[in-house]
Amino acid sequence: MDSIGLVFVVVLAVVAWFVLRRANELCVFVVENGKCTLASGRAPPALFGQVDDIVTRSRVDHATLRIVVESGLPRLIADSRVPDAVIQQVRNCVGQYQVAHFRRGRRA
């Protein structure tokens, strides 16, 4: 019975981690074969166009760009495959918007 209880607690902790991780997520941009798509959440249409331009010009093939709320402001979290110059350009674009703009933006 102890091993079943331990497995239950571990599964519950993993599920809670996934739920809490996505609780502050505004949107996710996924770049596949150089094409940018809004995978989840909402984003201002102008931001989508800016991010698409940046990844196209920089020739980024595959990447995941998450925008989350941190201290009441949108913050970019990019995976390690994205060059620092691209991260900074996208971060500058994200900084132009408030959380309310994301909440009213277009859906994925």
N, C-alpha and C. Protein backbone atom coordinates (compact mmCIF):
# COMPACT_ATOMS: atom_id res chain seq x y z
N MET A 1 0.82 -1.20 0.00
CA MET A 1 0.00 0.00 0.00
C MET A 1 0.86 1.25 0.00
N ASP A 2 2.05 1.19 0.58
CA ASP A 2 2.92 2.36 0.63
C ASP A 2 3.41 2.75 -0.76
N SER A 3 3.74 1.78 -1.60
CA SER A 3 4.22 2.10 -2.94
C SER A 3 3.12 2.72 -3.80
N ILE A 4 1.90 2.28 -3.62
CA ILE A 4 0.78 2.86 -4.36
C ILE A 4 0.57 4.31 -3.92
N GLY A 5 0.66 4.55 -2.64
CA GLY A 5 0.52 5.92 -2.13
C GLY A 5 1.63 6.82 -2.63
N LEU A 6 2.85 6.31 -2.70
CA LEU A 6 3.98 7.10 -3.19
C LEU A 6 3.80 7.43 -4.67
N VAL A 7 3.37 6.46 -5.46
CA VAL A 7 3.12 6.69 -6.89
C VAL A 7 2.02 7.74 -7.06
N PHE A 8 0.97 7.66 -6.26
CA PHE A 8 -0.12 8.63 -6.33
C PHE A 8 0.38 10.04 -6.02
N VAL A 9 1.20 10.19 -5.00
CA VAL A 9 1.74 11.50 -4.63
C VAL A 9 2.64 12.05 -5.73
N VAL A 10 3.46 11.21 -6.33
CA VAL A 10 4.34 11.65 -7.42
C VAL A 10 3.54 12.10 -8.62
N VAL A 11 2.53 11.32 -8.99
CA VAL A 11 1.68 11.68 -10.14
C VAL A 11 0.95 12.99 -9.85
N LEU A 12 0.44 13.15 -8.65
CA LEU A 12 -0.25 14.38 -8.27
C LEU A 12 0.70 15.57 -8.32
N ALA A 13 1.94 15.40 -7.88
CA ALA A 13 2.92 16.49 -7.92
C ALA A 13 3.26 16.88 -9.36
N VAL A 14 3.40 15.91 -10.24
CA VAL A 14 3.71 16.20 -11.65
C VAL A 14 2.55 16.94 -12.30
N VAL A 15 1.34 16.52 -12.06
CA VAL A 15 0.17 17.19 -12.62
C VAL A 15 0.08 18.63 -12.09
N ALA A 16 0.30 18.81 -10.80
CA ALA A 16 0.26 20.15 -10.22
C ALA A 16 1.34 21.04 -10.82
N TRP A 17 2.52 20.48 -11.07
CA TRP A 17 3.61 21.26 -11.68
C TRP A 17 3.23 21.74 -13.07
N PHE A 18 2.63 20.86 -13.89
CA PHE A 18 2.21 21.25 -15.23
C PHE A 18 1.14 22.33 -15.18
N VAL A 19 0.18 22.19 -14.28
CA VAL A 19 -0.91 23.17 -14.17
C VAL A 19 -0.37 24.52 -13.72
N LEU A 20 0.48 24.53 -12.73
CA LEU A 20 1.03 25.79 -12.22
C LEU A 20 1.98 26.43 -13.21
N ARG A 21 2.68 25.64 -13.98
CA ARG A 21 3.61 26.17 -14.97
C ARG A 21 2.87 26.93 -16.05
N ARG A 22 1.71 26.46 -16.44
CA ARG A 22 0.93 27.09 -17.50
C ARG A 22 -0.01 28.17 -16.98
N ALA A 23 -0.13 28.32 -15.67
CA ALA A 23 -1.06 29.28 -15.10
C ALA A 23 -0.68 30.72 -15.46
N ASN A 24 0.59 31.01 -15.58
CA ASN A 24 1.03 32.36 -15.87
C ASN A 24 1.40 32.55 -17.34
N GLU A 25 1.09 31.60 -18.18
CA GLU A 25 1.46 31.66 -19.59
C GLU A 25 0.44 32.46 -20.39
N LEU A 26 0.92 33.46 -21.14
CA LEU A 26 0.06 34.26 -21.99
C LEU A 26 -0.10 33.64 -23.36
N CYS A 27 1.02 33.23 -23.97
CA CYS A 27 0.95 32.61 -25.29
C CYS A 27 2.26 31.87 -25.58
N VAL A 28 2.19 31.05 -26.62
CA VAL A 28 3.37 30.30 -27.06
C VAL A 28 3.45 30.41 -28.58
N PHE A 29 4.60 30.87 -29.06
CA PHE A 29 4.89 30.89 -30.49
C PHE A 29 5.79 29.70 -30.79
N VAL A 30 5.46 28.94 -31.82
CA VAL A 30 6.29 27.81 -32.23
C VAL A 30 6.77 28.08 -33.65
N VAL A 31 8.08 27.91 -33.85
CA VAL A 31 8.68 28.09 -35.16
C VAL A 31 9.07 26.70 -35.67
N GLU A 32 8.48 26.31 -36.79
CA GLU A 32 8.78 25.02 -37.43
C GLU A 32 9.13 25.30 -38.88
N ASN A 33 10.28 24.87 -39.30
CA ASN A 33 10.74 25.07 -40.69
C ASN A 33 10.66 26.54 -41.11
N GLY A 34 10.98 27.43 -40.18
CA GLY A 34 11.01 28.86 -40.47
C GLY A 34 9.66 29.55 -40.44
N LYS A 35 8.58 28.81 -40.20
CA LYS A 35 7.23 29.38 -40.14
C LYS A 35 6.80 29.54 -38.69
N CYS A 36 6.36 30.72 -38.33
CA CYS A 36 5.94 31.02 -36.97
C CYS A 36 4.43 30.84 -36.85
N THR A 37 3.99 30.13 -35.81
CA THR A 37 2.57 29.97 -35.53
C THR A 37 2.30 30.24 -34.06
N LEU A 38 1.11 30.68 -33.77
CA LEU A 38 0.67 30.88 -32.39
C LEU A 38 0.08 29.57 -31.92
N ALA A 39 0.81 28.86 -31.07
CA ALA A 39 0.41 27.51 -30.66
C ALA A 39 -0.65 27.51 -29.58
N SER A 40 -0.59 28.46 -28.65
CA SER A 40 -1.58 28.51 -27.59
C SER A 40 -1.66 29.92 -27.03
N GLY A 41 -2.76 30.21 -26.38
CA GLY A 41 -2.95 31.51 -25.77
C GLY A 41 -3.45 32.56 -26.74
N ARG A 42 -3.27 33.82 -26.32
CA ARG A 42 -3.66 34.97 -27.14
C ARG A 42 -2.47 35.89 -27.27
N ALA A 43 -2.40 36.58 -28.41
CA ALA A 43 -1.31 37.53 -28.64
C ALA A 43 -1.83 38.67 -29.50
N PRO A 44 -1.31 39.88 -29.28
CA PRO A 44 -1.68 41.00 -30.16
C PRO A 44 -1.28 40.68 -31.60
N PRO A 45 -2.15 40.95 -32.56
CA PRO A 45 -1.82 40.64 -33.96
C PRO A 45 -0.53 41.31 -34.43
N ALA A 46 -0.28 42.52 -33.99
CA ALA A 46 0.95 43.21 -34.40
C ALA A 46 2.18 42.49 -33.88
N LEU A 47 2.11 41.95 -32.67
CA LEU A 47 3.24 41.21 -32.11
C LEU A 47 3.51 39.96 -32.92
N PHE A 48 2.45 39.27 -33.32
CA PHE A 48 2.64 38.07 -34.13
C PHE A 48 3.39 38.41 -35.42
N GLY A 49 3.00 39.50 -36.06
CA GLY A 49 3.69 39.92 -37.28
C GLY A 49 5.15 40.27 -37.03
N GLN A 50 5.43 40.93 -35.92
CA GLN A 50 6.80 41.29 -35.58
C GLN A 50 7.66 40.06 -35.32
N VAL A 51 7.13 39.13 -34.55
CA VAL A 51 7.88 37.91 -34.23
C VAL A 51 8.12 37.11 -35.50
N ASP A 52 7.11 37.02 -36.34
CA ASP A 52 7.26 36.29 -37.60
C ASP A 52 8.35 36.93 -38.46
N ASP A 53 8.38 38.24 -38.55
CA ASP A 53 9.43 38.94 -39.32
C ASP A 53 10.81 38.66 -38.75
N ILE A 54 10.94 38.70 -37.43
CA ILE A 54 12.24 38.50 -36.79
C ILE A 54 12.77 37.10 -37.06
N VAL A 55 11.94 36.09 -36.86
CA VAL A 55 12.43 34.71 -37.05
C VAL A 55 12.68 34.40 -38.52
N THR A 56 11.92 35.04 -39.41
CA THR A 56 12.14 34.83 -40.84
C THR A 56 13.46 35.45 -41.27
N ARG A 57 13.70 36.71 -40.86
CA ARG A 57 14.95 37.37 -41.21
C ARG A 57 16.17 36.68 -40.62
N SER A 58 16.01 36.13 -39.43
CA SER A 58 17.13 35.50 -38.74
C SER A 58 17.31 34.04 -39.14
N ARG A 59 16.41 33.53 -39.96
CA ARG A 59 16.46 32.15 -40.44
C ARG A 59 16.46 31.13 -39.30
N VAL A 60 15.58 31.35 -38.33
CA VAL A 60 15.42 30.39 -37.23
C VAL A 60 14.53 29.27 -37.75
N ASP A 61 15.03 28.04 -37.68
CA ASP A 61 14.27 26.90 -38.21
C ASP A 61 13.28 26.33 -37.20
N HIS A 62 13.75 26.08 -36.00
CA HIS A 62 12.90 25.46 -34.97
C HIS A 62 13.13 26.18 -33.65
N ALA A 63 12.02 26.58 -33.01
CA ALA A 63 12.13 27.26 -31.72
C ALA A 63 10.77 27.29 -31.04
N THR A 64 10.81 27.48 -29.74
CA THR A 64 9.61 27.70 -28.95
C THR A 64 9.82 28.97 -28.14
N LEU A 65 8.89 29.91 -28.28
CA LEU A 65 8.96 31.18 -27.57
C LEU A 65 7.72 31.29 -26.69
N ARG A 66 7.93 31.24 -25.38
CA ARG A 66 6.83 31.34 -24.43
C ARG A 66 6.81 32.75 -23.86
N ILE A 67 5.62 33.32 -23.75
CA ILE A 67 5.47 34.62 -23.11
C ILE A 67 4.61 34.40 -21.87
N VAL A 68 5.17 34.77 -20.73
CA VAL A 68 4.53 34.54 -19.45
C VAL A 68 4.37 35.87 -18.72
N VAL A 69 3.56 35.86 -17.67
CA VAL A 69 3.41 37.02 -16.81
C VAL A 69 4.38 36.87 -15.65
N GLU A 70 5.22 37.88 -15.46
CA GLU A 70 6.14 37.89 -14.33
C GLU A 70 6.14 39.29 -13.74
N SER A 71 5.77 39.40 -12.48
CA SER A 71 5.66 40.69 -11.79
C SER A 71 4.69 41.62 -12.50
N GLY A 72 3.64 41.07 -13.08
CA GLY A 72 2.63 41.86 -13.74
C GLY A 72 2.96 42.32 -15.15
N LEU A 73 4.10 41.88 -15.68
CA LEU A 73 4.52 42.28 -17.02
C LEU A 73 4.79 41.05 -17.88
N PRO A 74 4.59 41.16 -19.20
CA PRO A 74 4.92 40.02 -20.06
C PRO A 74 6.43 39.82 -20.14
N ARG A 75 6.84 38.57 -20.13
CA ARG A 75 8.27 38.22 -20.18
C ARG A 75 8.45 37.07 -21.16
N LEU A 76 9.51 37.15 -21.95
CA LEU A 76 9.82 36.13 -22.94
C LEU A 76 10.70 35.05 -22.34
N ILE A 77 10.34 33.78 -22.61
CA ILE A 77 11.18 32.64 -22.27
C ILE A 77 11.38 31.86 -23.56
N ALA A 78 12.62 31.79 -24.01
CA ALA A 78 12.94 31.12 -25.27
C ALA A 78 13.79 29.89 -24.98
N ASP A 79 13.70 28.90 -25.86
CA ASP A 79 14.54 27.72 -25.68
C ASP A 79 15.97 28.03 -26.12
N SER A 80 16.86 27.10 -25.83
CA SER A 80 18.29 27.33 -26.02
C SER A 80 18.72 27.37 -27.49
N ARG A 81 17.86 26.95 -28.40
CA ARG A 81 18.23 26.94 -29.83
C ARG A 81 18.16 28.32 -30.46
N VAL A 82 17.55 29.28 -29.78
CA VAL A 82 17.36 30.61 -30.34
C VAL A 82 18.59 31.46 -30.05
N PRO A 83 19.16 32.10 -31.08
CA PRO A 83 20.32 32.97 -30.85
C PRO A 83 19.98 34.16 -29.95
N ASP A 84 20.97 34.64 -29.22
CA ASP A 84 20.76 35.74 -28.28
C ASP A 84 20.25 37.00 -28.97
N ALA A 85 20.73 37.28 -30.17
CA ALA A 85 20.29 38.48 -30.89
C ALA A 85 18.80 38.41 -31.20
N VAL A 86 18.32 37.23 -31.55
CA VAL A 86 16.89 37.06 -31.85
C VAL A 86 16.08 37.19 -30.57
N ILE A 87 16.56 36.61 -29.49
CA ILE A 87 15.86 36.72 -28.20
C ILE A 87 15.71 38.18 -27.81
N GLN A 88 16.77 38.96 -27.97
CA GLN A 88 16.71 40.37 -27.59
C GLN A 88 15.73 41.14 -28.47
N GLN A 89 15.69 40.85 -29.76
CA GLN A 89 14.75 41.53 -30.65
C GLN A 89 13.31 41.21 -30.28
N VAL A 90 13.03 39.94 -30.01
CA VAL A 90 11.67 39.55 -29.63
C VAL A 90 11.33 40.14 -28.26
N ARG A 91 12.28 40.15 -27.35
CA ARG A 91 12.06 40.74 -26.03
C ARG A 91 11.71 42.22 -26.15
N ASN A 92 12.38 42.93 -27.05
CA ASN A 92 12.06 44.34 -27.26
C ASN A 92 10.64 44.52 -27.78
N CYS A 93 10.21 43.64 -28.66
CA CYS A 93 8.84 43.70 -29.18
C CYS A 93 7.82 43.39 -28.09
N VAL A 94 8.08 42.36 -27.30
CA VAL A 94 7.16 41.97 -26.24
C VAL A 94 7.02 43.10 -25.22
N GLY A 95 8.10 43.82 -24.96
CA GLY A 95 8.09 44.92 -24.00
C GLY A 95 7.20 46.08 -24.37
N GLN A 96 6.76 46.15 -25.61
CA GLN A 96 5.87 47.22 -26.06
C GLN A 96 4.43 47.00 -25.61
N TYR A 97 4.12 45.81 -25.13
CA TYR A 97 2.74 45.45 -24.82
C TYR A 97 2.57 45.20 -23.34
N GLN A 98 1.33 45.42 -22.87
CA GLN A 98 0.95 45.11 -21.50
C GLN A 98 0.19 43.78 -21.50
N VAL A 99 -0.02 43.23 -20.33
CA VAL A 99 -0.74 41.97 -20.20
C VAL A 99 -2.15 42.08 -20.78
N ALA A 100 -2.77 43.24 -20.61
CA ALA A 100 -4.14 43.44 -21.14
C ALA A 100 -4.18 43.28 -22.66
N HIS A 101 -3.12 43.69 -23.34
CA HIS A 101 -3.08 43.53 -24.80
C HIS A 101 -3.10 42.05 -25.19
N PHE A 102 -2.42 41.23 -24.41
CA PHE A 102 -2.41 39.79 -24.68
C PHE A 102 -3.78 39.19 -24.40
N ARG A 103 -4.42 39.61 -23.34
CA ARG A 103 -5.72 39.05 -22.98
C ARG A 103 -6.78 39.38 -24.04
N ARG A 104 -6.63 40.54 -24.72
CA ARG A 104 -7.58 40.93 -25.76
C ARG A 104 -7.14 40.50 -27.16
N GLY A 105 -5.95 39.91 -27.28
CA GLY A 105 -5.40 39.57 -28.58
C GLY A 105 -6.12 38.42 -29.26
N ARG A 106 -5.58 38.06 -30.43
CA ARG A 106 -6.19 36.97 -31.21
C ARG A 106 -5.84 35.62 -30.59
N ARG A 107 -6.76 34.70 -30.72
CA ARG A 107 -6.57 33.35 -30.16
C ARG A 107 -5.70 32.50 -31.07
N ALA A 108 -5.13 31.49 -30.46
CA ALA A 108 -4.32 30.53 -31.21
C ALA A 108 -5.19 29.70 -32.11
